[in-house]
Amino acid sequence: METIVKTGMGALLLAAIPVDGDPGLWAQWGLAGAVVGYTLWRDWQRERQMRDSTELQNEWVRNTLVKALERNSVAMEKVVERMPNLTVQEKP
């Protein structure tokens, strides 16, 4: 969705560019072009920051969960070693 919006904004900017370079025409779309350009740049910066932040959070969660799983596995192995006669009882 973001790509479609950015592409659409870029297409509008390209459509507004005057062909013959008349200064009067440049004055008509100059501010709009600057706003569109700034918006595209700002959104690109925001997306990059969000991507980096999300990657760091995902890495932290992944590492934390793997470590917790390893600790739980070791704890379960110790429980099983200490209770060798433990059997599962079937329901009648």
Protein backbone atom coordinates (compact mmCIF):
# COMPACT_ATOMS: atom_id res chain seq x y z
CA MET A 1 0.00 0.00 0.00
CA GLU A 2 2.81 2.41 0.89
CA THR A 3 4.49 1.75 -2.43
CA ILE A 4 1.29 2.52 -4.33
CA VAL A 5 0.81 5.79 -2.46
CA LYS A 6 4.42 6.86 -3.01
CA THR A 7 4.29 5.90 -6.69
CA GLY A 8 1.08 7.88 -7.10
CA MET A 9 2.61 10.94 -5.44
CA GLY A 10 5.67 10.66 -7.68
CA ALA A 11 3.48 10.33 -10.77
CA LEU A 12 1.54 13.46 -9.79
CA LEU A 13 4.81 15.32 -9.35
CA LEU A 14 6.04 14.20 -12.76
CA ALA A 15 2.73 15.16 -14.38
CA ALA A 16 3.00 18.65 -12.85
CA ILE A 17 6.50 19.37 -14.21
CA PRO A 18 6.32 22.08 -16.86
CA VAL A 19 7.82 21.01 -20.16
CA ASP A 20 9.10 24.31 -21.53
CA GLY A 21 10.62 25.54 -18.25
CA ASP A 22 8.58 28.74 -18.03
CA PRO A 23 9.31 30.41 -14.64
CA GLY A 24 5.63 31.22 -14.21
CA LEU A 25 4.76 27.54 -14.49
CA TRP A 26 7.54 26.64 -12.07
CA ALA A 27 6.02 29.03 -9.54
CA GLN A 28 2.65 27.30 -9.89
CA TRP A 29 3.83 23.83 -8.96
CA GLY A 30 7.07 24.56 -7.10
CA LEU A 31 5.55 24.56 -3.63
CA ALA A 32 3.44 21.47 -4.33
CA GLY A 33 6.50 19.71 -5.74
CA ALA A 34 8.52 20.63 -2.67
CA VAL A 35 5.76 19.36 -0.38
CA VAL A 36 5.46 16.07 -2.29
CA GLY A 37 9.24 15.64 -2.34
CA TYR A 38 9.54 16.36 1.38
CA THR A 39 6.66 14.00 2.18
CA LEU A 40 8.25 11.19 0.19
CA TRP A 41 11.60 11.75 1.87
CA ARG A 42 10.06 11.95 5.36
CA ASP A 43 8.01 8.79 4.82
CA TRP A 44 11.07 6.96 3.52
CA GLN A 45 13.02 7.98 6.64
CA ARG A 46 10.17 6.90 8.91
CA GLU A 47 9.84 3.53 7.17
CA ARG A 48 13.60 2.95 7.49
CA GLN A 49 13.53 3.78 11.20
CA MET A 50 10.50 1.55 11.79
CA ARG A 51 12.15 -1.32 9.88
CA ASP A 52 15.31 -1.02 11.96
CA SER A 53 13.32 -0.81 15.20
CA THR A 54 11.17 -3.80 14.28
CA GLU A 55 14.23 -5.86 13.35
CA LEU A 56 15.86 -5.09 16.71
CA GLN A 57 12.69 -5.99 18.60
CA ASN A 58 12.25 -9.22 16.63
CA GLU A 59 15.86 -10.19 17.27
CA TRP A 60 15.48 -9.52 21.01
CA VAL A 61 12.26 -11.55 21.20
CA ARG A 62 13.78 -14.39 19.20
CA ASN A 63 16.94 -14.53 21.33
CA THR A 64 14.98 -14.25 24.58
CA LEU A 65 12.56 -17.01 23.64
CA VAL A 66 15.34 -19.33 22.47
CA LYS A 67 17.23 -18.83 25.75
CA ALA A 68 14.05 -19.41 27.77
CA LEU A 69 13.31 -22.57 25.78
CA GLU A 70 16.84 -23.85 26.38
CA ARG A 71 16.57 -23.17 30.14
CA ASN A 72 13.18 -24.91 30.28
CA SER A 73 14.55 -27.91 28.38
CA VAL A 74 17.45 -28.24 30.83
CA ALA A 75 15.04 -27.96 33.77
CA MET A 76 12.76 -30.65 32.32
CA GLU A 77 15.74 -32.96 31.77
CA LYS A 78 16.72 -32.53 35.43
CA VAL A 79 13.18 -33.30 36.56
CA VAL A 80 13.12 -36.46 34.45
CA GLU A 81 16.53 -37.57 35.78
CA ARG A 82 15.43 -37.15 39.41
CA MET A 83 12.21 -39.11 38.94
CA PRO A 84 13.18 -42.30 37.09
CA ASN A 85 10.18 -44.27 38.41
CA LEU A 86 7.64 -41.77 37.21
CA THR A 87 5.01 -43.43 35.07
CA VAL A 88 1.98 -42.07 33.33
CA GLN A 89 -1.26 -43.43 34.74
CA GLU A 90 -4.00 -44.22 32.32
CA LYS A 91 -7.55 -43.11 32.98
CA PRO A 92 -9.94 -45.93 33.81
